[in-house]
């Protein structure tokens, strides 16, 4: 069974977590709240295909330990979907990347980023190893007739699922332009 790791998989990426389970993956999910994890696991007929990793990704050692434990228990990770707030957790992505890359031949990283992210700068800083296929998913907004709004969790999950399927180097969910129209 293939193994996926989803960071933020009980919130805006909950649809991605459930979709990966439906695709036959074992899904390890990094989350902070046990009640949200329980809600997510109640939405699938395969809760045994989910490993909760209840950890705050701002705590480097605990994050490293949880990622290593799930690799030991569930096998190498084939796909990582990561929504990480870099302003509060500078080391989280590099910890995950380093631990996943250790014993894996080839794997994929789908890096989910906010609308104002500088993709080129982030890709350069990501320090992705040679055995990793790196994809960026940038979240934008939706312009309605008379107003604009941020994407819903469902729209975000659908867009990330599309990115997982199409495997484009950069996938935009919603729109980014015109910038002055964002909410």
N, C-alpha and C. Protein backbone atom coordinates (compact mmCIF):
# COMPACT_ATOMS: atom_id res chain seq x y z
N UNK A 1 0.85 -1.18 0.00
CA UNK A 1 0.00 0.00 0.00
C UNK A 1 0.89 1.24 0.00
N UNK A 2 0.55 2.20 -0.86
CA UNK A 2 1.30 3.45 -0.88
C UNK A 2 0.99 4.24 0.38
N UNK A 3 1.92 5.11 0.74
CA UNK A 3 1.82 5.86 1.99
C UNK A 3 1.91 7.35 1.66
N UNK A 4 0.95 8.12 2.16
CA UNK A 4 0.95 9.57 1.99
C UNK A 4 1.01 10.24 3.35
N UNK A 5 1.61 11.41 3.39
CA UNK A 5 1.65 12.26 4.58
C UNK A 5 0.99 13.58 4.22
N UNK A 6 -0.01 13.98 5.03
CA UNK A 6 -0.69 15.25 4.79
C UNK A 6 -0.51 16.13 6.02
N UNK A 7 0.07 17.30 5.81
CA UNK A 7 0.25 18.27 6.89
C UNK A 7 -0.91 19.26 6.80
N UNK A 8 -1.72 19.30 7.84
CA UNK A 8 -2.92 20.12 7.83
C UNK A 8 -4.11 19.35 7.27
N UNK A 9 -4.07 18.04 7.41
CA UNK A 9 -5.04 17.17 6.77
C UNK A 9 -6.37 17.03 7.46
N UNK A 10 -6.61 17.72 8.58
CA UNK A 10 -7.92 17.67 9.21
C UNK A 10 -8.69 18.98 9.03
N UNK A 11 -8.05 19.97 8.46
CA UNK A 11 -8.68 21.27 8.25
C UNK A 11 -9.00 21.47 6.78
N UNK A 12 -8.36 22.46 6.18
CA UNK A 12 -8.66 22.79 4.79
C UNK A 12 -8.26 21.69 3.82
N UNK A 13 -7.40 20.77 4.24
CA UNK A 13 -7.00 19.65 3.39
C UNK A 13 -7.68 18.34 3.77
N UNK A 14 -8.75 18.41 4.55
CA UNK A 14 -9.42 17.17 4.96
C UNK A 14 -9.96 16.40 3.76
N UNK A 15 -10.46 17.11 2.76
CA UNK A 15 -10.92 16.44 1.55
C UNK A 15 -9.81 15.71 0.83
N UNK A 16 -8.60 16.24 0.88
CA UNK A 16 -7.43 15.59 0.27
C UNK A 16 -7.10 14.31 1.03
N UNK A 17 -7.13 14.38 2.36
CA UNK A 17 -6.85 13.20 3.18
C UNK A 17 -7.82 12.08 2.86
N UNK A 18 -9.11 12.40 2.81
CA UNK A 18 -10.12 11.38 2.53
C UNK A 18 -10.01 10.84 1.12
N UNK A 19 -9.70 11.70 0.16
CA UNK A 19 -9.53 11.27 -1.23
C UNK A 19 -8.35 10.31 -1.36
N UNK A 20 -7.24 10.61 -0.68
CA UNK A 20 -6.09 9.71 -0.74
C UNK A 20 -6.43 8.34 -0.16
N UNK A 21 -7.18 8.32 0.93
CA UNK A 21 -7.63 7.04 1.49
C UNK A 21 -8.46 6.28 0.46
N UNK A 22 -9.38 6.97 -0.21
CA UNK A 22 -10.22 6.35 -1.24
C UNK A 22 -9.40 5.83 -2.42
N UNK A 23 -8.24 6.45 -2.66
CA UNK A 23 -7.36 6.02 -3.76
C UNK A 23 -6.48 4.83 -3.36
N UNK A 24 -6.62 4.36 -2.14
CA UNK A 24 -5.88 3.19 -1.69
C UNK A 24 -4.61 3.48 -0.92
N UNK A 25 -4.40 4.72 -0.53
CA UNK A 25 -3.22 5.09 0.26
C UNK A 25 -3.47 4.82 1.74
N UNK A 26 -2.39 4.54 2.45
CA UNK A 26 -2.41 4.70 3.89
C UNK A 26 -2.00 6.15 4.10
N UNK A 27 -2.77 6.91 4.90
CA UNK A 27 -2.53 8.34 5.03
C UNK A 27 -2.18 8.67 6.48
N UNK A 28 -0.98 9.20 6.66
CA UNK A 28 -0.57 9.74 7.96
C UNK A 28 -0.88 11.22 7.93
N UNK A 29 -1.53 11.71 8.98
CA UNK A 29 -1.99 13.09 8.99
C UNK A 29 -1.42 13.81 10.20
N UNK A 30 -0.69 14.89 9.92
CA UNK A 30 -0.18 15.75 10.99
C UNK A 30 -1.27 16.76 11.34
N UNK A 31 -1.64 16.75 12.62
CA UNK A 31 -2.69 17.65 13.09
C UNK A 31 -2.45 17.96 14.56
N UNK A 32 -3.01 19.07 15.02
CA UNK A 32 -2.84 19.46 16.42
C UNK A 32 -4.01 19.05 17.30
N UNK A 33 -5.18 18.87 16.72
CA UNK A 33 -6.39 18.68 17.52
C UNK A 33 -6.96 17.28 17.35
N UNK A 34 -7.03 16.54 18.44
CA UNK A 34 -7.55 15.17 18.39
C UNK A 34 -9.02 15.14 17.99
N UNK A 35 -9.80 16.12 18.40
CA UNK A 35 -11.22 16.12 18.06
C UNK A 35 -11.44 16.29 16.57
N UNK A 36 -10.59 17.07 15.91
CA UNK A 36 -10.71 17.23 14.44
C UNK A 36 -10.29 15.94 13.74
N UNK A 37 -9.27 15.27 14.29
CA UNK A 37 -8.85 14.00 13.72
C UNK A 37 -9.97 12.97 13.84
N UNK A 38 -10.62 12.95 14.99
CA UNK A 38 -11.73 12.02 15.21
C UNK A 38 -12.87 12.30 14.23
N UNK A 39 -13.18 13.57 14.01
CA UNK A 39 -14.22 13.94 13.05
C UNK A 39 -13.87 13.44 11.65
N UNK A 40 -12.62 13.61 11.26
CA UNK A 40 -12.18 13.17 9.94
C UNK A 40 -12.28 11.66 9.82
N UNK A 41 -11.80 10.95 10.81
CA UNK A 41 -11.80 9.49 10.74
C UNK A 41 -13.23 8.93 10.72
N UNK A 42 -14.18 9.66 11.26
CA UNK A 42 -15.58 9.23 11.22
C UNK A 42 -16.21 9.41 9.84
N UNK A 43 -15.49 10.08 8.93
CA UNK A 43 -16.03 10.33 7.58
C UNK A 43 -15.60 9.28 6.56
N UNK A 44 -14.85 8.28 6.97
CA UNK A 44 -14.38 7.26 6.04
C UNK A 44 -14.75 5.87 6.54
N UNK A 45 -14.92 4.97 5.59
CA UNK A 45 -15.16 3.57 5.98
C UNK A 45 -13.84 2.83 6.19
N UNK A 46 -12.73 3.53 5.99
CA UNK A 46 -11.40 2.94 6.17
C UNK A 46 -10.58 3.69 7.23
N UNK A 47 -11.08 3.87 8.43
CA UNK A 47 -10.30 4.63 9.43
C UNK A 47 -8.98 3.94 9.79
N UNK A 48 -8.89 2.64 9.56
CA UNK A 48 -7.64 1.94 9.83
C UNK A 48 -6.57 2.26 8.78
N UNK A 49 -6.92 3.00 7.74
CA UNK A 49 -5.94 3.43 6.74
C UNK A 49 -5.43 4.84 7.04
N UNK A 50 -5.74 5.34 8.22
CA UNK A 50 -5.28 6.66 8.65
C UNK A 50 -4.47 6.52 9.94
N UNK A 51 -3.30 7.14 9.95
CA UNK A 51 -2.50 7.22 11.17
C UNK A 51 -2.46 8.67 11.63
N UNK A 52 -3.08 8.95 12.78
CA UNK A 52 -3.03 10.31 13.32
C UNK A 52 -1.64 10.61 13.89
N UNK A 53 -1.09 11.73 13.49
CA UNK A 53 0.18 12.21 14.05
C UNK A 53 -0.15 13.52 14.77
N UNK A 54 -0.54 13.40 16.02
CA UNK A 54 -0.96 14.57 16.78
C UNK A 54 0.28 15.28 17.31
N UNK A 55 0.67 16.31 16.57
CA UNK A 55 1.89 17.05 16.88
C UNK A 55 1.74 18.47 16.35
N UNK A 56 2.31 19.41 17.06
CA UNK A 56 2.39 20.78 16.58
C UNK A 56 3.69 20.88 15.78
N UNK A 57 3.58 21.13 14.50
CA UNK A 57 4.78 21.12 13.64
C UNK A 57 5.78 22.22 13.98
N UNK A 58 5.47 23.07 14.93
CA UNK A 58 6.45 24.07 15.39
C UNK A 58 7.47 23.45 16.35
N UNK A 59 7.20 22.24 16.83
CA UNK A 59 8.10 21.55 17.76
C UNK A 59 8.96 20.56 16.98
N UNK A 60 10.15 20.98 16.63
CA UNK A 60 11.02 20.25 15.72
C UNK A 60 11.25 18.79 16.12
N UNK A 61 11.67 18.54 17.35
CA UNK A 61 11.99 17.18 17.76
C UNK A 61 10.78 16.27 17.76
N UNK A 62 9.65 16.78 18.22
CA UNK A 62 8.42 15.98 18.22
C UNK A 62 7.97 15.68 16.79
N UNK A 63 8.09 16.66 15.90
CA UNK A 63 7.74 16.45 14.49
C UNK A 63 8.64 15.38 13.88
N UNK A 64 9.93 15.51 14.07
CA UNK A 64 10.88 14.53 13.53
C UNK A 64 10.54 13.12 14.03
N UNK A 65 10.27 13.00 15.32
CA UNK A 65 9.95 11.70 15.92
C UNK A 65 8.67 11.11 15.31
N UNK A 66 7.64 11.94 15.14
CA UNK A 66 6.37 11.46 14.59
C UNK A 66 6.53 10.99 13.14
N UNK A 67 7.27 11.75 12.34
CA UNK A 67 7.49 11.35 10.94
C UNK A 67 8.28 10.04 10.89
N UNK A 68 9.31 9.93 11.69
CA UNK A 68 10.09 8.68 11.72
C UNK A 68 9.24 7.51 12.18
N UNK A 69 8.41 7.72 13.20
CA UNK A 69 7.55 6.64 13.71
C UNK A 69 6.58 6.15 12.65
N UNK A 70 5.98 7.08 11.90
CA UNK A 70 5.01 6.62 10.89
C UNK A 70 5.70 5.92 9.73
N UNK A 71 6.92 6.32 9.40
CA UNK A 71 7.68 5.60 8.37
C UNK A 71 7.99 4.19 8.86
N UNK A 72 8.41 4.05 10.09
CA UNK A 72 8.70 2.74 10.67
C UNK A 72 7.45 1.86 10.68
N UNK A 73 6.32 2.43 11.08
CA UNK A 73 5.09 1.66 11.23
C UNK A 73 4.36 1.40 9.92
N UNK A 74 4.44 2.34 8.96
CA UNK A 74 3.60 2.25 7.76
C UNK A 74 4.38 2.22 6.44
N UNK A 75 5.70 2.24 6.50
CA UNK A 75 6.51 2.19 5.29
C UNK A 75 6.90 3.57 4.79
N UNK A 76 7.76 3.57 3.80
CA UNK A 76 8.23 4.82 3.21
C UNK A 76 7.07 5.65 2.69
N UNK A 77 7.25 6.96 2.69
CA UNK A 77 6.22 7.89 2.26
C UNK A 77 6.43 8.20 0.78
N UNK A 78 5.36 8.00 0.00
CA UNK A 78 5.41 8.21 -1.44
C UNK A 78 4.99 9.63 -1.85
N UNK A 79 4.07 10.21 -1.08
CA UNK A 79 3.52 11.53 -1.40
C UNK A 79 3.39 12.34 -0.11
N UNK A 80 3.85 13.59 -0.17
CA UNK A 80 3.65 14.53 0.93
C UNK A 80 2.86 15.71 0.39
N UNK A 81 1.78 16.06 1.10
CA UNK A 81 1.02 17.28 0.81
C UNK A 81 1.21 18.15 2.05
N UNK A 82 1.86 19.29 1.86
CA UNK A 82 2.26 20.10 3.02
C UNK A 82 1.74 21.52 2.93
N UNK A 83 0.89 21.89 3.88
CA UNK A 83 0.45 23.27 4.08
C UNK A 83 1.03 23.68 5.42
N UNK A 84 2.11 24.45 5.38
CA UNK A 84 2.84 24.83 6.59
C UNK A 84 2.98 26.35 6.61
N UNK A 85 2.63 26.94 7.72
CA UNK A 85 2.82 28.39 7.88
C UNK A 85 4.29 28.64 8.25
N UNK A 86 5.07 29.03 7.26
CA UNK A 86 6.52 29.19 7.46
C UNK A 86 6.87 30.29 8.44
N UNK A 87 5.98 31.24 8.61
CA UNK A 87 6.28 32.34 9.53
C UNK A 87 6.34 31.86 10.98
N UNK A 88 5.72 30.73 11.29
CA UNK A 88 5.74 30.22 12.66
C UNK A 88 6.52 28.92 12.80
N UNK A 89 6.90 28.31 11.67
CA UNK A 89 7.59 27.02 11.71
C UNK A 89 8.62 26.94 10.59
N UNK A 90 9.72 27.65 10.77
CA UNK A 90 10.75 27.71 9.72
C UNK A 90 11.36 26.36 9.37
N UNK A 91 11.43 25.45 10.33
CA UNK A 91 12.13 24.19 10.10
C UNK A 91 11.23 23.03 9.71
N UNK A 92 9.93 23.18 9.80
CA UNK A 92 9.01 22.04 9.63
C UNK A 92 9.17 21.36 8.27
N UNK A 93 9.15 22.12 7.20
CA UNK A 93 9.23 21.50 5.88
C UNK A 93 10.56 20.79 5.70
N UNK A 94 11.66 21.41 6.10
CA UNK A 94 12.96 20.75 5.91
C UNK A 94 13.08 19.49 6.75
N UNK A 95 12.50 19.49 7.94
CA UNK A 95 12.51 18.28 8.77
C UNK A 95 11.76 17.16 8.05
N UNK A 96 10.57 17.47 7.56
CA UNK A 96 9.78 16.46 6.85
C UNK A 96 10.52 15.97 5.61
N UNK A 97 11.02 16.88 4.81
CA UNK A 97 11.74 16.52 3.59
C UNK A 97 12.94 15.63 3.91
N UNK A 98 13.74 16.00 4.89
CA UNK A 98 14.93 15.22 5.23
C UNK A 98 14.57 13.82 5.71
N UNK A 99 13.54 13.70 6.53
CA UNK A 99 13.16 12.39 7.06
C UNK A 99 12.55 11.50 5.99
N UNK A 100 11.71 12.07 5.14
CA UNK A 100 11.07 11.28 4.08
C UNK A 100 12.09 10.84 3.04
N UNK A 101 13.05 11.69 2.72
CA UNK A 101 14.01 11.41 1.65
C UNK A 101 15.05 10.36 2.02
N UNK A 102 15.24 10.10 3.30
CA UNK A 102 16.34 9.23 3.74
C UNK A 102 16.38 7.87 3.05
N UNK A 103 15.30 7.14 3.07
CA UNK A 103 15.31 5.76 2.58
C UNK A 103 14.37 5.54 1.41
N UNK A 104 14.05 6.59 0.70
CA UNK A 104 13.08 6.50 -0.37
C UNK A 104 13.76 6.70 -1.71
N UNK A 105 13.33 5.94 -2.72
CA UNK A 105 13.89 6.13 -4.05
C UNK A 105 13.36 7.43 -4.66
N UNK A 106 12.09 7.44 -5.02
CA UNK A 106 11.50 8.64 -5.60
C UNK A 106 10.17 8.90 -4.89
N UNK A 107 9.92 10.16 -4.59
CA UNK A 107 8.68 10.54 -3.92
C UNK A 107 8.27 11.93 -4.38
N UNK A 108 7.03 12.32 -4.04
CA UNK A 108 6.49 13.58 -4.50
C UNK A 108 6.14 14.48 -3.32
N UNK A 109 6.41 15.77 -3.50
CA UNK A 109 6.06 16.79 -2.52
C UNK A 109 5.18 17.81 -3.20
N UNK A 110 3.96 17.97 -2.67
CA UNK A 110 3.03 18.99 -3.12
C UNK A 110 3.00 20.06 -2.04
N UNK A 111 3.65 21.17 -2.32
CA UNK A 111 3.85 22.25 -1.36
C UNK A 111 2.72 23.27 -1.56
N UNK A 112 1.81 23.36 -0.61
CA UNK A 112 0.66 24.25 -0.70
C UNK A 112 1.05 25.61 -0.11
N UNK A 113 0.79 26.67 -0.89
CA UNK A 113 1.26 28.01 -0.53
C UNK A 113 0.16 29.04 -0.68
N UNK A 114 0.26 30.11 0.08
CA UNK A 114 -0.72 31.19 0.05
C UNK A 114 -0.61 32.06 -1.18
N UNK A 115 -1.59 32.92 -1.34
CA UNK A 115 -1.71 33.74 -2.54
C UNK A 115 -0.57 34.74 -2.74
N UNK A 116 0.02 35.21 -1.66
CA UNK A 116 1.09 36.21 -1.79
C UNK A 116 2.49 35.60 -1.79
N UNK A 117 2.57 34.28 -1.84
CA UNK A 117 3.87 33.61 -1.80
C UNK A 117 4.67 33.87 -3.07
N UNK A 118 5.98 34.06 -2.89
CA UNK A 118 6.91 34.18 -4.01
C UNK A 118 7.40 32.77 -4.34
N UNK A 119 6.81 32.15 -5.36
CA UNK A 119 7.07 30.75 -5.64
C UNK A 119 8.53 30.45 -5.96
N UNK A 120 9.16 31.32 -6.73
CA UNK A 120 10.56 31.09 -7.10
C UNK A 120 11.47 31.11 -5.87
N UNK A 121 11.25 32.06 -5.01
CA UNK A 121 12.05 32.18 -3.79
C UNK A 121 11.84 30.97 -2.87
N UNK A 122 10.58 30.56 -2.74
CA UNK A 122 10.26 29.42 -1.87
C UNK A 122 10.86 28.14 -2.43
N UNK A 123 10.79 27.95 -3.74
CA UNK A 123 11.36 26.75 -4.35
C UNK A 123 12.87 26.70 -4.11
N UNK A 124 13.52 27.84 -4.23
CA UNK A 124 14.96 27.90 -4.02
C UNK A 124 15.31 27.55 -2.57
N UNK A 125 14.52 28.03 -1.61
CA UNK A 125 14.77 27.77 -0.20
C UNK A 125 14.38 26.37 0.24
N UNK A 126 13.53 25.70 -0.54
CA UNK A 126 13.01 24.39 -0.14
C UNK A 126 14.08 23.31 -0.05
N UNK A 127 15.19 23.47 -0.73
CA UNK A 127 16.28 22.50 -0.70
C UNK A 127 15.76 21.07 -0.89
N UNK A 128 15.12 20.87 -2.02
CA UNK A 128 14.52 19.58 -2.33
C UNK A 128 15.60 18.63 -2.83
N UNK A 129 15.67 17.42 -2.25
CA UNK A 129 16.69 16.46 -2.68
C UNK A 129 16.39 15.90 -4.08
N UNK A 130 17.38 15.27 -4.67
CA UNK A 130 17.26 14.75 -6.03
C UNK A 130 16.18 13.69 -6.18
N UNK A 131 15.86 12.96 -5.12
CA UNK A 131 14.87 11.89 -5.24
C UNK A 131 13.43 12.37 -5.04
N UNK A 132 13.24 13.70 -5.01
CA UNK A 132 11.92 14.29 -4.77
C UNK A 132 11.43 15.03 -6.01
N UNK A 133 10.21 14.73 -6.42
CA UNK A 133 9.53 15.50 -7.46
C UNK A 133 8.73 16.58 -6.73
N UNK A 134 9.06 17.84 -6.99
CA UNK A 134 8.52 18.96 -6.23
C UNK A 134 7.48 19.72 -7.05
N UNK A 135 6.30 19.92 -6.46
CA UNK A 135 5.22 20.65 -7.09
C UNK A 135 4.74 21.74 -6.13
N UNK A 136 4.35 22.87 -6.69
CA UNK A 136 3.81 23.96 -5.89
C UNK A 136 2.33 24.15 -6.22
N UNK A 137 1.53 24.31 -5.17
CA UNK A 137 0.11 24.58 -5.30
C UNK A 137 -0.16 25.91 -4.62
N UNK A 138 -0.51 26.92 -5.42
CA UNK A 138 -0.73 28.24 -4.85
C UNK A 138 -2.23 28.52 -4.77
N UNK A 139 -2.65 28.95 -3.58
CA UNK A 139 -4.06 29.22 -3.32
C UNK A 139 -4.36 30.69 -3.57
N UNK A 140 -5.39 30.93 -4.35
CA UNK A 140 -5.77 32.30 -4.67
C UNK A 140 -7.10 32.67 -4.04
N UNK A 141 -7.95 33.29 -4.83
CA UNK A 141 -9.26 33.73 -4.36
C UNK A 141 -10.26 33.52 -5.49
N UNK A 142 -11.54 33.78 -5.19
CA UNK A 142 -12.60 33.66 -6.18
C UNK A 142 -13.25 35.03 -6.33
N UNK A 143 -13.39 35.48 -7.56
CA UNK A 143 -14.07 36.75 -7.84
C UNK A 143 -15.50 36.42 -8.25
N UNK A 144 -16.44 36.90 -7.45
CA UNK A 144 -17.86 36.77 -7.76
C UNK A 144 -18.28 38.00 -8.54
N UNK A 145 -19.53 38.14 -8.85
CA UNK A 145 -20.02 39.26 -9.66
C UNK A 145 -19.64 40.62 -9.07
N UNK A 146 -19.90 40.82 -7.77
CA UNK A 146 -19.68 42.15 -7.18
C UNK A 146 -18.67 42.15 -6.04
N UNK A 147 -18.09 41.00 -5.74
CA UNK A 147 -17.13 40.92 -4.64
C UNK A 147 -16.17 39.75 -4.88
N UNK A 148 -15.16 39.67 -4.06
CA UNK A 148 -14.26 38.53 -4.12
C UNK A 148 -14.20 37.90 -2.73
N UNK A 149 -13.78 36.64 -2.68
CA UNK A 149 -13.72 35.91 -1.42
C UNK A 149 -12.56 34.92 -1.49
N UNK A 150 -12.13 34.49 -0.31
CA UNK A 150 -11.10 33.45 -0.23
C UNK A 150 -11.74 32.11 -0.58
N UNK A 151 -10.93 31.17 -0.94
CA UNK A 151 -11.40 29.83 -1.28
C UNK A 151 -11.98 29.13 -0.06
N UNK A 152 -12.98 28.29 -0.27
CA UNK A 152 -13.50 27.45 0.80
C UNK A 152 -12.59 26.23 0.98
N UNK A 153 -12.73 25.53 2.08
CA UNK A 153 -11.96 24.30 2.29
C UNK A 153 -12.22 23.29 1.18
N UNK A 154 -13.47 23.19 0.75
CA UNK A 154 -13.80 22.26 -0.33
C UNK A 154 -13.11 22.65 -1.63
N UNK A 155 -13.09 23.94 -1.95
CA UNK A 155 -12.41 24.39 -3.17
C UNK A 155 -10.91 24.15 -3.08
N UNK A 156 -10.35 24.38 -1.90
CA UNK A 156 -8.92 24.13 -1.71
C UNK A 156 -8.62 22.65 -1.91
N UNK A 157 -9.38 21.79 -1.24
CA UNK A 157 -9.15 20.34 -1.39
C UNK A 157 -9.30 19.90 -2.84
N UNK A 158 -10.34 20.38 -3.51
CA UNK A 158 -10.53 20.01 -4.93
C UNK A 158 -9.36 20.45 -5.78
N UNK A 159 -8.86 21.65 -5.53
CA UNK A 159 -7.72 22.15 -6.29
C UNK A 159 -6.44 21.36 -6.03
N UNK A 160 -6.23 20.98 -4.78
CA UNK A 160 -5.03 20.19 -4.45
C UNK A 160 -5.16 18.79 -5.05
N UNK A 161 -6.35 18.21 -5.03
CA UNK A 161 -6.56 16.91 -5.66
C UNK A 161 -6.27 17.01 -7.16
N UNK A 162 -6.72 18.07 -7.79
CA UNK A 162 -6.41 18.28 -9.20
C UNK A 162 -4.89 18.38 -9.42
N UNK A 163 -4.20 19.05 -8.52
CA UNK A 163 -2.74 19.15 -8.62
C UNK A 163 -2.10 17.77 -8.49
N UNK A 164 -2.61 16.95 -7.59
CA UNK A 164 -2.09 15.58 -7.42
C UNK A 164 -2.30 14.76 -8.70
N UNK A 165 -3.38 15.01 -9.39
CA UNK A 165 -3.69 14.27 -10.60
C UNK A 165 -2.92 14.76 -11.82
N UNK A 166 -2.76 16.08 -11.94
CA UNK A 166 -2.14 16.64 -13.15
C UNK A 166 -0.62 16.75 -13.05
N UNK A 167 -0.11 16.89 -11.83
CA UNK A 167 1.33 16.95 -11.57
C UNK A 167 2.04 18.05 -12.38
N UNK A 168 1.41 19.22 -12.44
CA UNK A 168 2.06 20.37 -13.06
C UNK A 168 3.03 20.98 -12.05
N UNK A 169 4.11 21.55 -12.52
CA UNK A 169 5.11 22.15 -11.63
C UNK A 169 4.48 23.20 -10.72
N UNK A 170 3.57 24.01 -11.27
CA UNK A 170 2.86 25.02 -10.49
C UNK A 170 1.37 24.90 -10.84
N UNK A 171 0.56 24.79 -9.81
CA UNK A 171 -0.89 24.68 -9.99
C UNK A 171 -1.54 25.79 -9.17
N UNK A 172 -2.33 26.61 -9.82
CA UNK A 172 -3.03 27.72 -9.15
C UNK A 172 -4.46 27.28 -8.88
N UNK A 173 -4.90 27.45 -7.64
CA UNK A 173 -6.29 27.16 -7.26
C UNK A 173 -6.98 28.50 -7.11
N UNK A 174 -8.04 28.71 -7.88
CA UNK A 174 -8.70 30.01 -7.88
C UNK A 174 -7.96 30.95 -8.82
N UNK A 175 -7.91 32.22 -8.44
CA UNK A 175 -7.19 33.19 -9.26
C UNK A 175 -6.33 34.08 -8.38
N UNK A 176 -5.29 34.64 -9.00
CA UNK A 176 -4.37 35.53 -8.29
C UNK A 176 -4.45 36.96 -8.81
N UNK A 177 -5.06 37.14 -9.96
CA UNK A 177 -5.13 38.45 -10.60
C UNK A 177 -6.57 38.81 -10.89
N UNK A 178 -6.91 40.04 -10.89
CA UNK A 178 -6.06 41.16 -10.51
C UNK A 178 -5.84 41.21 -8.99
N UNK A 179 -4.61 41.43 -8.62
CA UNK A 179 -4.21 41.39 -7.22
C UNK A 179 -5.03 42.35 -6.35
N UNK A 180 -5.35 43.50 -6.90
CA UNK A 180 -6.10 44.49 -6.11
C UNK A 180 -7.54 44.04 -5.84
N UNK A 181 -8.01 42.99 -6.49
CA UNK A 181 -9.37 42.50 -6.25
C UNK A 181 -9.45 41.42 -5.17
N UNK A 182 -8.32 41.04 -4.62
CA UNK A 182 -8.38 39.98 -3.60
C UNK A 182 -9.12 40.49 -2.37
N UNK A 183 -9.70 39.57 -1.60
CA UNK A 183 -10.50 39.99 -0.43
C UNK A 183 -9.68 40.73 0.62
